[in-house]
C-alpha atoms as a PDB file:
ATOM      1  CA  MET A   1      50.395  21.271  86.030  1.00  0.00           C
ATOM      2  CA  SER A   2      48.720  18.499  87.935  1.00  0.00           C
ATOM      3  CA  ILE A   3      50.793  15.746  89.524  1.00  0.00           C
ATOM      4  CA  THR A   4      49.751  12.162  89.158  1.00  0.00           C
ATOM      5  CA  LEU A   5      51.396   8.635  89.669  1.00  0.00           C
ATOM      6  CA  LYS A   6      52.308   8.891  85.831  1.00  0.00           C
ATOM      7  CA  SER A   7      54.590  11.705  87.093  1.00  0.00           C
ATOM      8  CA  ILE A   8      56.921   9.224  88.688  1.00  0.00           C
ATOM      9  CA  GLU A   9      60.255   8.547  87.074  1.00  0.00           C
ATOM     10  CA  SER A  10      63.349   6.992  88.139  1.00  0.00           C
ATOM     11  CA  SER A  11      65.759   9.329  90.175  1.00  0.00           C
ATOM     12  CA  ARG A  12      68.763   7.774  88.446  1.00  0.00           C
ATOM     13  CA  LYS A  13      70.525  10.141  85.623  1.00  0.00           C
ATOM     14  CA  ILE A  14      73.923  10.428  84.701  1.00  0.00           C
ATOM     15  CA  GLN A  15      74.299  14.114  85.467  1.00  0.00           C
ATOM     16  CA  PRO A  16      77.280  16.209  83.923  1.00  0.00           C
ATOM     17  CA  ASP A  17      80.339  16.025  86.195  1.00  0.00           C
ATOM     18  CA  ARG A  18      81.017  18.912  88.790  1.00  0.00           C
ATOM     19  CA  GLY A  19      84.378  18.818  90.369  1.00  0.00           C
ATOM     20  CA  LEU A  20      87.094  20.951  92.021  1.00  0.00           C
ATOM     21  CA  LEU A  21      90.743  20.696  91.323  1.00  0.00           C
ATOM     22  CA  HIS A  22      93.299  21.743  93.670  1.00  0.00           C
ATOM     23  CA  GLY A  23      97.093  21.784  93.544  1.00  0.00           C
ATOM     24  CA  LEU A  24     100.386  23.207  94.098  1.00  0.00           C
ATOM     25  CA  PRO A  25     101.739  26.564  92.294  1.00  0.00           C
ATOM     26  CA  GLY A  26     102.916  25.799  88.832  1.00  0.00           C
ATOM     27  CA  VAL A  27     101.425  22.334  88.425  1.00  0.00           C
ATOM     28  CA  GLY A  28      99.463  23.091  85.757  1.00  0.00           C
ATOM     29  CA  LYS A  29      95.880  23.474  87.016  1.00  0.00           C
ATOM     30  CA  SER A  30      94.768  26.052  84.501  1.00  0.00           C
ATOM     31  CA  SER A  31      96.319  24.042  81.658  1.00  0.00           C
ATOM     32  CA  TRP A  32      94.072  21.071  82.655  1.00  0.00           C
ATOM     33  CA  LEU A  33      90.974  23.285  82.859  1.00  0.00           C
ATOM     34  CA  ALA A  34      91.731  24.337  79.376  1.00  0.00           C
ATOM     35  CA  GLU A  35      91.899  20.769  78.060  1.00  0.00           C
ATOM     36  CA  ILE A  36      88.092  20.162  78.833  1.00  0.00           C
ATOM     37  CA  PRO A  37      86.191  19.934  75.209  1.00  0.00           C
ATOM     38  CA  GLY A  38      83.923  22.931  74.965  1.00  0.00           C
ATOM     39  CA  ILE A  39      84.803  25.003  78.130  1.00  0.00           C
ATOM     40  CA  ILE A  40      84.518  28.662  78.799  1.00  0.00           C
ATOM     41  CA  VAL A  41      86.316  29.820  82.005  1.00  0.00           C
ATOM     42  CA  ILE A  42      85.466  32.734  84.440  1.00  0.00           C
ATOM     43  CA  PRO A  43      89.040  34.046  85.034  1.00  0.00           C
ATOM     44  CA  ALA A  44      88.869  35.101  88.815  1.00  0.00           C
ATOM     45  CA  GLU A  45      92.671  35.962  88.270  1.00  0.00           C
ATOM     46  CA  ASP A  46      95.104  36.443  85.536  1.00  0.00           C
ATOM     47  CA  GLY A  47      96.530  32.420  85.173  1.00  0.00           C
ATOM     48  CA  LEU A  48      95.093  31.991  81.515  1.00  0.00           C
ATOM     49  CA  ALA A  49      96.833  34.487  79.712  1.00  0.00           C
ATOM     50  CA  GLU A  50      99.135  32.009  77.815  1.00  0.00           C
ATOM     51  CA  LEU A  51      96.694  29.505  76.970  1.00  0.00           C
ATOM     52  CA  GLU A  52      94.160  29.047  74.167  1.00  0.00           C
ATOM     53  CA  VAL A  53      90.654  29.055  75.856  1.00  0.00           C
ATOM     54  CA  PRO A  54      87.388  31.078  75.713  1.00  0.00           C
ATOM     55  CA  VAL A  55      87.216  33.222  78.638  1.00  0.00           C
ATOM     56  CA  PHE A  56      84.950  35.916  80.061  1.00  0.00           C
ATOM     57  CA  PRO A  57      86.483  39.331  80.860  1.00  0.00           C
ATOM     58  CA  GLN A  58      87.853  39.304  84.240  1.00  0.00           C
ATOM     59  CA  PRO A  59      85.209  40.080  86.692  1.00  0.00           C
ATOM     60  CA  LYS A  60      85.423  43.044  88.857  1.00  0.00           C
ATOM     61  CA  SER A  61      82.711  42.061  91.361  1.00  0.00           C
ATOM     62  CA  PHE A  62      80.762  39.079  92.507  1.00  0.00           C
ATOM     63  CA  THR A  63      77.749  40.127  90.907  1.00  0.00           C
ATOM     64  CA  GLU A  64      79.680  40.029  87.518  1.00  0.00           C
ATOM     65  CA  ILE A  65      80.482  36.473  88.176  1.00  0.00           C
ATOM     66  CA  ARG A  66      76.927  35.562  88.836  1.00  0.00           C
ATOM     67  CA  GLU A  67      75.808  37.614  85.670  1.00  0.00           C
ATOM     68  CA  MET A  68      78.436  35.466  83.547  1.00  0.00           C
ATOM     69  CA  ILE A  69      76.465  32.414  84.722  1.00  0.00           C
ATOM     70  CA  GLU A  70      73.044  33.732  84.223  1.00  0.00           C
ATOM     71  CA  VAL A  71      74.223  34.371  80.579  1.00  0.00           C
ATOM     72  CA  LEU A  72      75.298  30.796  80.105  1.00  0.00           C
ATOM     73  CA  ARG A  73      71.935  29.520  81.519  1.00  0.00           C
ATOM     74  CA  SER A  74      69.796  31.908  79.428  1.00  0.00           C
ATOM     75  CA  GLU A  75      71.443  32.521  76.155  1.00  0.00           C
ATOM     76  CA  ASP A  76      71.982  30.353  73.099  1.00  0.00           C
ATOM     77  CA  HIS A  77      75.784  28.816  73.020  1.00  0.00           C
ATOM     78  CA  GLN A  78      77.654  25.778  72.153  1.00  0.00           C
ATOM     79  CA  TYR A  79      79.862  25.595  75.432  1.00  0.00           C
ATOM     80  CA  LYS A  80      79.688  22.079  77.250  1.00  0.00           C
ATOM     81  CA  ALA A  81      81.622  23.156  80.636  1.00  0.00           C
ATOM     82  CA  VAL A  82      82.387  26.307  82.731  1.00  0.00           C
ATOM     83  CA  GLY A  83      85.166  26.726  84.801  1.00  0.00           C
ATOM     84  CA  ILE A  84      86.010  29.167  87.683  1.00  0.00           C
ATOM     85  CA  ASP A  85      89.780  29.798  88.006  1.00  0.00           C
ATOM     86  CA  THR A  86      90.550  29.938  90.937  1.00  0.00           C
ATOM     87  CA  ILE A  87      87.621  30.108  93.631  1.00  0.00           C
ATOM     88  CA  ASP A  88      90.440  31.373  96.399  1.00  0.00           C
ATOM     89  CA  ALA A  89      90.722  34.374  94.128  1.00  0.00           C
ATOM     90  CA  MET A  90      86.970  34.872  93.863  1.00  0.00           C
ATOM     91  CA  GLU A  91      86.913  34.731  97.608  1.00  0.00           C
ATOM     92  CA  ALA A  92      88.906  37.902  97.763  1.00  0.00           C
ATOM     93  CA  ILE A  93      86.295  39.489  95.032  1.00  0.00           C
ATOM     94  CA  ILE A  94      83.388  38.338  97.386  1.00  0.00           C
ATOM     95  CA  HIS A  95      84.917  39.616 100.719  1.00  0.00           C
ATOM     96  CA  ARG A  96      85.386  42.924  98.616  1.00  0.00           C
ATOM     97  CA  GLU A  97      81.808  43.223  97.673  1.00  0.00           C
ATOM     98  CA  ILE A  98      80.093  42.080 100.840  1.00  0.00           C
ATOM     99  CA  CYS A  99      82.167  44.491 102.934  1.00  0.00           C
ATOM    100  CA  GLU A 100      81.128  47.320 100.607  1.00  0.00           C
ATOM    101  CA  LYS A 101      77.405  46.033 100.737  1.00  0.00           C
ATOM    102  CA  LYS A 102      77.356  46.091 104.552  1.00  0.00           C
ATOM    103  CA  SER A 103      79.644  48.941 105.209  1.00  0.00           C
ATOM    104  CA  TRP A 104      81.977  46.863 106.935  1.00  0.00           C
ATOM    105  CA  ALA A 105      85.570  47.910 107.509  1.00  0.00           C
ATOM    106  CA  ASN A 106      86.997  44.288 106.674  1.00  0.00           C
ATOM    107  CA  ILE A 107      85.353  40.801 106.871  1.00  0.00           C
ATOM    108  CA  GLU A 108      85.733  40.284 110.457  1.00  0.00           C
ATOM    109  CA  ALA A 109      84.070  43.656 111.461  1.00  0.00           C
ATOM    110  CA  PRO A 110      80.581  42.025 112.423  1.00  0.00           C
ATOM    111  CA  GLY A 111      82.615  39.869 114.991  1.00  0.00           C
ATOM    112  CA  TYR A 112      84.732  36.538 115.195  1.00  0.00           C
ATOM    113  CA  GLY A 113      83.829  34.482 112.413  1.00  0.00           C
ATOM    114  CA  LYS A 114      80.364  35.982 111.791  1.00  0.00           C
ATOM    115  CA  GLY A 115      81.351  37.628 108.427  1.00  0.00           C
ATOM    116  CA  TYR A 116      82.525  34.162 107.081  1.00  0.00           C
ATOM    117  CA  SER A 117      79.262  32.742 108.180  1.00  0.00           C
ATOM    118  CA  ILE A 118      77.120  35.336 106.510  1.00  0.00           C
ATOM    119  CA  THR A 119      79.293  35.394 103.165  1.00  0.00           C
ATOM    120  CA  ALA A 120      78.926  31.565 103.098  1.00  0.00           C
ATOM    121  CA  ASP A 121      75.102  31.665 103.488  1.00  0.00           C
ATOM    122  CA  THR A 122      74.489  35.126 101.234  1.00  0.00           C
ATOM    123  CA  MET A 123      76.940  34.604  98.572  1.00  0.00           C
ATOM    124  CA  TRP A 124      78.492  31.117  98.430  1.00  0.00           C
ATOM    125  CA  ARG A 125      75.441  29.252  98.840  1.00  0.00           C
ATOM    126  CA  PRO A 126      73.459  31.126  95.954  1.00  0.00           C
ATOM    127  CA  LEU A 127      76.537  30.850  93.806  1.00  0.00           C
ATOM    128  CA  LEU A 128      76.705  27.220  94.276  1.00  0.00           C
ATOM    129  CA  ASP A 129      72.769  27.113  93.648  1.00  0.00           C
ATOM    130  CA  ASP A 130      73.239  29.116  90.280  1.00  0.00           C
ATOM    131  CA  LEU A 131      76.067  26.486  89.167  1.00  0.00           C
ATOM    132  CA  GLU A 132      73.836  23.522  89.837  1.00  0.00           C
ATOM    133  CA  THR A 133      70.918  25.103  87.845  1.00  0.00           C
ATOM    134  CA  LEU A 134      73.170  25.752  85.119  1.00  0.00           C
ATOM    135  CA  GLN A 135      74.385  22.287  85.264  1.00  0.00           C
ATOM    136  CA  ARG A 136      70.820  20.792  85.423  1.00  0.00           C
ATOM    137  CA  GLU A 137      69.184  23.018  82.910  1.00  0.00           C
ATOM    138  CA  ARG A 138      71.919  23.335  80.244  1.00  0.00           C
ATOM    139  CA  GLY A 139      73.856  19.868  80.627  1.00  0.00           C
ATOM    140  CA  MET A 140      77.111  21.667  81.453  1.00  0.00           C
ATOM    141  CA  GLU A 141      79.987  20.201  83.347  1.00  0.00           C
ATOM    142  CA  VAL A 142      81.222  22.690  86.197  1.00  0.00           C
ATOM    143  CA  TRP A 143      84.952  22.604  87.607  1.00  0.00           C
ATOM    144  CA  LEU A 144      86.342  24.800  90.148  1.00  0.00           C
ATOM    145  CA  VAL A 145      89.944  25.522  90.511  1.00  0.00           C
ATOM    146  CA  ALA A 146      91.887  26.419  93.747  1.00  0.00           C
ATOM    147  CA  HIS A 147      95.358  26.626  95.122  1.00  0.00           C
ATOM    148  CA  THR A 148      96.366  24.482  97.903  1.00  0.00           C
ATOM    149  CA  THR A 149      97.574  25.175 101.216  1.00  0.00           C
ATOM    150  CA  ILE A 150      99.099  23.150 104.001  1.00  0.00           C
ATOM    151  CA  LYS A 151      97.338  23.000 107.328  1.00  0.00           C
ATOM    152  CA  THR A 152      97.548  21.152 110.613  1.00  0.00           C
ATOM    153  CA  PHE A 153      95.014  18.432 111.149  1.00  0.00           C
ATOM    154  CA  SER A 154      93.845  18.328 114.707  1.00  0.00           C
ATOM    155  CA  ASN A 155      93.550  14.659 115.278  1.00  0.00           C
ATOM    156  CA  PRO A 156      91.238  13.732 118.319  1.00  0.00           C
ATOM    157  CA  GLN A 157      92.821  10.367 118.373  1.00  0.00           C
ATOM    158  CA  GLY A 158      96.410  10.991 118.502  1.00  0.00           C
ATOM    159  CA  GLU A 159      99.069  13.091 117.307  1.00  0.00           C
ATOM    160  CA  ASP A 160      98.422  16.042 114.900  1.00  0.00           C
ATOM    161  CA  TRP A 161      99.819  15.973 111.095  1.00  0.00           C
ATOM    162  CA  SER A 162      99.973  18.259 108.234  1.00  0.00           C
ATOM    163  CA  ARG A 163      97.999  17.704 105.214  1.00  0.00           C
ATOM    164  CA  TYR A 164      97.026  19.541 101.887  1.00  0.00           C
ATOM    165  CA  ILE A 165      93.632  21.179 101.708  1.00  0.00           C
ATOM    166  CA  VAL A 166      91.973  23.691  99.445  1.00  0.00           C
ATOM    167  CA  GLU A 167      92.964  27.149 100.141  1.00  0.00           C
ATOM    168  CA  LEU A 168      89.534  28.625 101.264  1.00  0.00           C
ATOM    169  CA  ARG A 169      88.279  29.615 104.528  1.00  0.00           C
ATOM    170  CA  PRO A 170      86.597  26.441 106.347  1.00  0.00           C
ATOM    171  CA  ASN A 171      83.370  28.127 105.952  1.00  0.00           C
ATOM    172  CA  TYR A 172      83.762  28.184 102.326  1.00  0.00           C
ATOM    173  CA  GLY A 173      85.908  25.249 101.824  1.00  0.00           C
ATOM    174  CA  ASN A 174      83.670  22.723 103.608  1.00  0.00           C
ATOM    175  CA  LEU A 175      80.615  24.029 101.531  1.00  0.00           C
ATOM    176  CA  VAL A 176      82.335  23.720  98.447  1.00  0.00           C
ATOM    177  CA  CYS A 177      83.849  20.087  98.893  1.00  0.00           C
ATOM    178  CA  GLY A 178      80.416  18.865 100.154  1.00  0.00           C
ATOM    179  CA  TRP A 179      78.960  20.222  96.883  1.00  0.00           C
ATOM    180  CA  VAL A 180      81.128  18.887  94.291  1.00  0.00           C
ATOM    181  CA  LYS A 181      81.206  15.123  93.325  1.00  0.00           C
ATOM    182  CA  THR A 182      84.972  14.939  92.637  1.00  0.00           C
ATOM    183  CA  ILE A 183      88.135  16.413  94.307  1.00  0.00           C
ATOM    184  CA  LEU A 184      91.316  15.979  92.487  1.00  0.00           C
ATOM    185  CA  PHE A 185      94.759  16.874  94.153  1.00  0.00           C
ATOM    186  CA  ALA A 186      97.527  17.732  91.670  1.00  0.00           C
ATOM    187  CA  GLN A 187     101.142  17.727  92.361  1.00  0.00           C
ATOM    188  CA  PHE A 188     104.463  16.528  90.753  1.00  0.00           C
ATOM    189  CA  ASP A 189     105.176  12.967  91.506  1.00  0.00           C
ATOM    190  CA  ASP A 190     107.839  13.540  94.132  1.00  0.00           C
ATOM    191  CA  HIS A 191     109.438  10.729  96.099  1.00  0.00           C
ATOM    192  CA  VAL A 192     111.951  10.097  99.014  1.00  0.00           C
ATOM    193  CA  ASP A 193     115.495   8.334  98.162  1.00  0.00           C
ATOM    194  CA  GLU A 194     117.486   6.883 101.216  1.00  0.00           C
ATOM    195  CA  SER A 195     120.879   7.738 100.763  1.00  0.00           C
ATOM    196  CA  ASP A 196     123.993   5.554 101.536  1.00  0.00           C
ATOM    197  CA  ARG A 197     124.499   7.549 105.003  1.00  0.00           C
ATOM    198  CA  GLY A 198     121.136   6.539 105.848  1.00  0.00           C
ATOM    199  CA  LYS A 199     119.532   9.830 105.400  1.00  0.00           C
ATOM    200  CA  ASN A 200     116.312  10.424 103.467  1.00  0.00           C
ATOM    201  CA  LYS A 201     116.491  12.943 100.458  1.00  0.00           C
ATOM    202  CA  GLY A 202     113.488  14.140  98.616  1.00  0.00           C
ATOM    203  CA  VAL A 203     113.503  13.894  94.830  1.00  0.00           C
ATOM    204  CA  GLY A 204     111.575  16.040  92.340  1.00  0.00           C
ATOM    205  CA  GLY A 205     109.442  14.242  89.985  1.00  0.00           C
ATOM    206  CA  GLN A 206     108.773  15.359  86.352  1.00  0.00           C
ATOM    207  CA  GLN A 207     105.442  13.767  85.915  1.00  0.00           C
ATOM    208  CA  ARG A 208     102.289  15.582  86.892  1.00  0.00           C
ATOM    209  CA  ILE A 209      99.427  13.601  88.449  1.00  0.00           C
ATOM    210  CA  VAL A 210      96.228  13.969  90.214  1.00  0.00           C
ATOM    211  CA  HIS A 211      95.167  11.923  93.359  1.00  0.00           C
ATOM    212  CA  THR A 212      91.516  10.870  93.130  1.00  0.00           C
ATOM    213  CA  ARG A 213      91.004   9.464  96.791  1.00  0.00           C
ATOM    214  CA  ARG A 214      91.119  10.733 100.165  1.00  0.00           C
ATOM    215  CA  HIS A 215      94.295  10.253 101.899  1.00  0.00           C
ATOM    216  CA  ALA A 216      95.697  11.634 105.211  1.00  0.00           C
ATOM    217  CA  ALA A 217      97.916  13.681 103.500  1.00  0.00           C
ATOM    218  CA  TYR A 218      95.450  15.364 101.200  1.00  0.00           C
ATOM    219  CA  ASP A 219      91.759  16.232 100.449  1.00  0.00           C
ATOM    220  CA  ALA A 220      90.434  13.983  97.396  1.00  0.00           C
ATOM    221  CA  LYS A 221      87.470  12.208  96.590  1.00  0.00           C
ATOM    222  CA  ASN A 222      85.265  10.605  93.751  1.00  0.00           C
ATOM    223  CA  ARG A 223      82.215   8.630  92.952  1.00  0.00           C
ATOM    224  CA  TYR A 224      83.706   6.923  89.996  1.00  0.00           C
ATOM    225  CA  GLY A 225      85.780   4.075  91.146  1.00  0.00           C
ATOM    226  CA  LEU A 226      88.853   5.774  89.859  1.00  0.00           C
ATOM    227  CA  PRO A 227      92.203   4.630  90.642  1.00  0.00           C
ATOM    228  CA  GLN A 228      94.272   6.364  93.415  1.00  0.00           C
ATOM    229  CA  THR A 229      96.298   8.313  90.880  1.00  0.00           C
ATOM    230  CA  LEU A 230      95.888   9.655  87.302  1.00  0.00           C
ATOM    231  CA  PRO A 231      98.231  11.588  84.962  1.00  0.00           C
ATOM    232  CA  LEU A 232      97.429  15.282  85.094  1.00  0.00           C
ATOM    233  CA  ASP A 233      95.336  15.096  82.029  1.00  0.00           C
ATOM    234  CA  TYR A 234      91.585  15.714  81.563  1.00  0.00           C
ATOM    235  CA  ALA A 235      91.236  13.030  78.674  1.00  0.00           C
ATOM    236  CA  ALA A 236      92.710  10.264  80.874  1.00  0.00           C
ATOM    237  CA  TYR A 237      90.339  11.431  83.732  1.00  0.00           C
ATOM    238  CA  ALA A 238      87.254  11.541  81.753  1.00  0.00           C
ATOM    239  CA  LYS A 239      88.298   8.078  80.090  1.00  0.00           C
ATOM    240  CA  ALA A 240      88.200   6.482  83.435  1.00  0.00           C
ATOM    241  CA  ARG A 241      85.094   8.181  84.704  1.00  0.00           C
ATOM    242  CA  ASP A 242      83.077   7.239  81.636  1.00  0.00           C
ATOM    243  CA  ALA A 243      84.413   3.458  81.649  1.00  0.00           C
ATOM    244  CA  PHE A 244      83.084   3.379  85.279  1.00  0.00           C
ATOM    245  CA  GLN A 245      79.921   4.712  84.353  1.00  0.00           C
ATOM    246  CA  ALA A 246      79.346   2.445  81.372  1.00  0.00           C
ATOM    247  CA  ALA A 247      80.545  -0.839  83.129  1.00  0.00           C
ATOM    248  CA  THR A 248      78.077  -3.668  83.440  1.00  0.00           C
ATOM    249  CA  PRO A 249      77.218  -5.229  86.513  1.00  0.00           C
ATOM    250  CA  ASP A 250      79.246  -8.145  85.798  1.00  0.00           C
ATOM    251  CA  ASP A 251      82.172  -6.051  85.271  1.00  0.00           C
ATOM    252  CA  LEU A 252      81.566  -4.131  88.582  1.00  0.00           C
ATOM    253  CA  MET A 253      81.133  -7.410  90.373  1.00  0.00           C
ATOM    254  CA  LYS A 254      84.389  -8.567  89.117  1.00  0.00           C
ATOM    255  CA  LYS A 255      85.808  -5.378  90.313  1.00  0.00           C
ATOM    256  CA  CYS A 256      84.393  -5.629  93.893  1.00  0.00           C
ATOM    257  CA  LYS A 257      85.643  -9.410  94.312  1.00  0.00           C
ATOM    258  CA  GLY A 258      89.149  -8.074  93.198  1.00  0.00           C
ATOM    259  CA  LEU A 259      89.176  -5.306  95.640  1.00  0.00           C
ATOM    260  CA  LEU A 260      87.878  -7.749  98.324  1.00  0.00           C
ATOM    261  CA  GLU A 261      90.749  -9.728  97.807  1.00  0.00           C
ATOM    262  CA  GLU A 262      93.194  -6.680  97.994  1.00  0.00           C
ATOM    263  CA  LEU A 263      91.571  -5.637 101.278  1.00  0.00           C
ATOM    264  CA  GLU A 264      91.925  -9.019 102.930  1.00  0.00           C
ATOM    265  CA  PRO A 265      89.250  -8.242 105.701  1.00  0.00           C
ATOM    266  CA  ASP A 266      88.873 -10.340 108.783  1.00  0.00           C
ATOM    267  CA  GLU A 267      86.359 -13.408 108.470  1.00  0.00           C
ATOM    268  CA  GLY A 268      83.467 -11.420 109.905  1.00  0.00           C
ATOM    269  CA  MET A 269      83.967  -8.413 107.637  1.00  0.00           C
ATOM    270  CA  ALA A 270      84.518 -10.428 104.872  1.00  0.00           C
ATOM    271  CA  LYS A 271      80.981 -12.238 105.260  1.00  0.00           C
ATOM    272  CA  LYS A 272      79.212  -8.913 105.714  1.00  0.00           C
ATOM    273  CA  ILE A 273      80.622  -7.848 102.313  1.00  0.00           C
ATOM    274  CA  GLU A 274      80.011 -10.959 100.476  1.00  0.00           C
ATOM    275  CA  LYS A 275      76.496 -10.703 101.749  1.00  0.00           C
ATOM    276  CA  SER A 276      76.149  -6.943 100.650  1.00  0.00           C
ATOM    277  CA  LEU A 277      77.457  -7.914  97.217  1.00  0.00           C
ATOM    278  CA  ALA A 278      75.151 -10.941  96.634  1.00  0.00           C
ATOM    279  CA  ALA A 279      72.134  -8.589  97.466  1.00  0.00           C
ATOM    280  CA  ALA A 280      73.541  -5.978  94.949  1.00  0.00           C
ATOM    281  CA  LYS A 281      73.986  -8.672  92.237  1.00  0.00           C
ATOM    282  CA  GLY A 282      72.771  -7.413  88.768  1.00  0.00           C
ATOM    283  CA  ASN A 283      72.123  -3.868  90.415  1.00  0.00           C
ATOM    284  CA  GLY A 284      74.550  -1.628  88.704  1.00  0.00           C
ATOM    285  CA  LEU A 285      74.052   1.601  90.839  1.00  0.00           C
ATOM    286  CA  LYS A 286      74.441  -0.523  94.035  1.00  0.00           C
ATOM    287  CA  LEU A 287      77.618  -2.155  92.585  1.00  0.00           C
ATOM    288  CA  GLN A 288      79.143   1.122  91.959  1.00  0.00           C
ATOM    289  CA  LYS A 289      78.684   2.412  95.422  1.00  0.00           C
ATOM    290  CA  SER A 290      80.337  -0.902  96.474  1.00  0.00           C
ATOM    291  CA  VAL A 291      83.500  -0.507  94.351  1.00  0.00           C
ATOM    292  CA  VAL A 292      83.616   3.105  95.728  1.00  0.00           C
ATOM    293  CA  ARG A 293      83.158   1.835  99.504  1.00  0.00           C
ATOM    294  CA  LEU A 294      85.668  -1.089  99.096  1.00  0.00           C
ATOM    295  CA  GLN A 295      88.312   1.393  97.900  1.00  0.00           C
ATOM    296  CA  GLU A 296      87.752   3.662 100.679  1.00  0.00           C
ATOM    297  CA  LEU A 297      88.131   0.925 103.344  1.00  0.00           C
ATOM    298  CA  ILE A 298      91.644  -0.264 101.250  1.00  0.00           C
ATOM    299  CA  ASP A 299      92.776   3.436 101.447  1.00  0.00           C
ATOM    300  CA  ASN A 300      91.850   3.723 105.297  1.00  0.00           C
ATOM    301  CA  SER A 301      93.594   0.557 105.789  1.00  0.00           C
ATOM    302  CA  VAL A 302      96.864   1.663 104.739  1.00  0.00           C
ATOM    303  CA  GLU A 303      97.027   5.359 106.004  1.00  0.00           C
END
């Protein structure tokens, strides 16, 4: 194929979603996954037994997982999305296979941290490449599900604090979280009540929700200008995502101005933001980015 200037095209295309849902035990992560229209699931653990959803046989090896992804890429089918439930269970499968291949007694056999780095490069990166190829060539959404753990955040600017993060080794967690477009954190809508005696009491909520934007207490992100919380319901998430992608430049500009009022920046910052919005007028992609950036500024100001 010869390349000419006629080969040049716009880089902007609405790609199928790829995301990560993590959350506390029993919150309904697998049920959320099963709600995605046209999904097929690779069950790295037995969490879907009571749900009606198409699944591959539970894989016995990491090689089988990659074979399942290749089947979806190369064979005819009607599936529109693929999910892996859960990637922290898949971590154990990956460790077992690489230890067998390398004749290691365990993942730490090569020395402190080396086994994890080798695994990230030789197994996790190829897996994400496989999923990205599937997404690109077959137009399938990709969703990863993970459990959540609590870790202490080492704060270089002050006191440390605890936060909810994906239950993966940092080598893998950082790689996966950087690859996905969306990270949703699922939990029950718990809150704290103050008693008559001045003592705080945790009250368990019945509503299941997802957080869509980063907070000091948990990992989350999105590129779709989503509200801070949504019901733990795929249809609600997809509706908000699709509405943002379909919004006109005028709608996005109104959204930006409303967020600017909510942010209440100082005079200097306000002038910079207004200048940036004026330059983005009529450009939907730039205004989408402005919405997301303004939401990040608001989130950071209230942490």
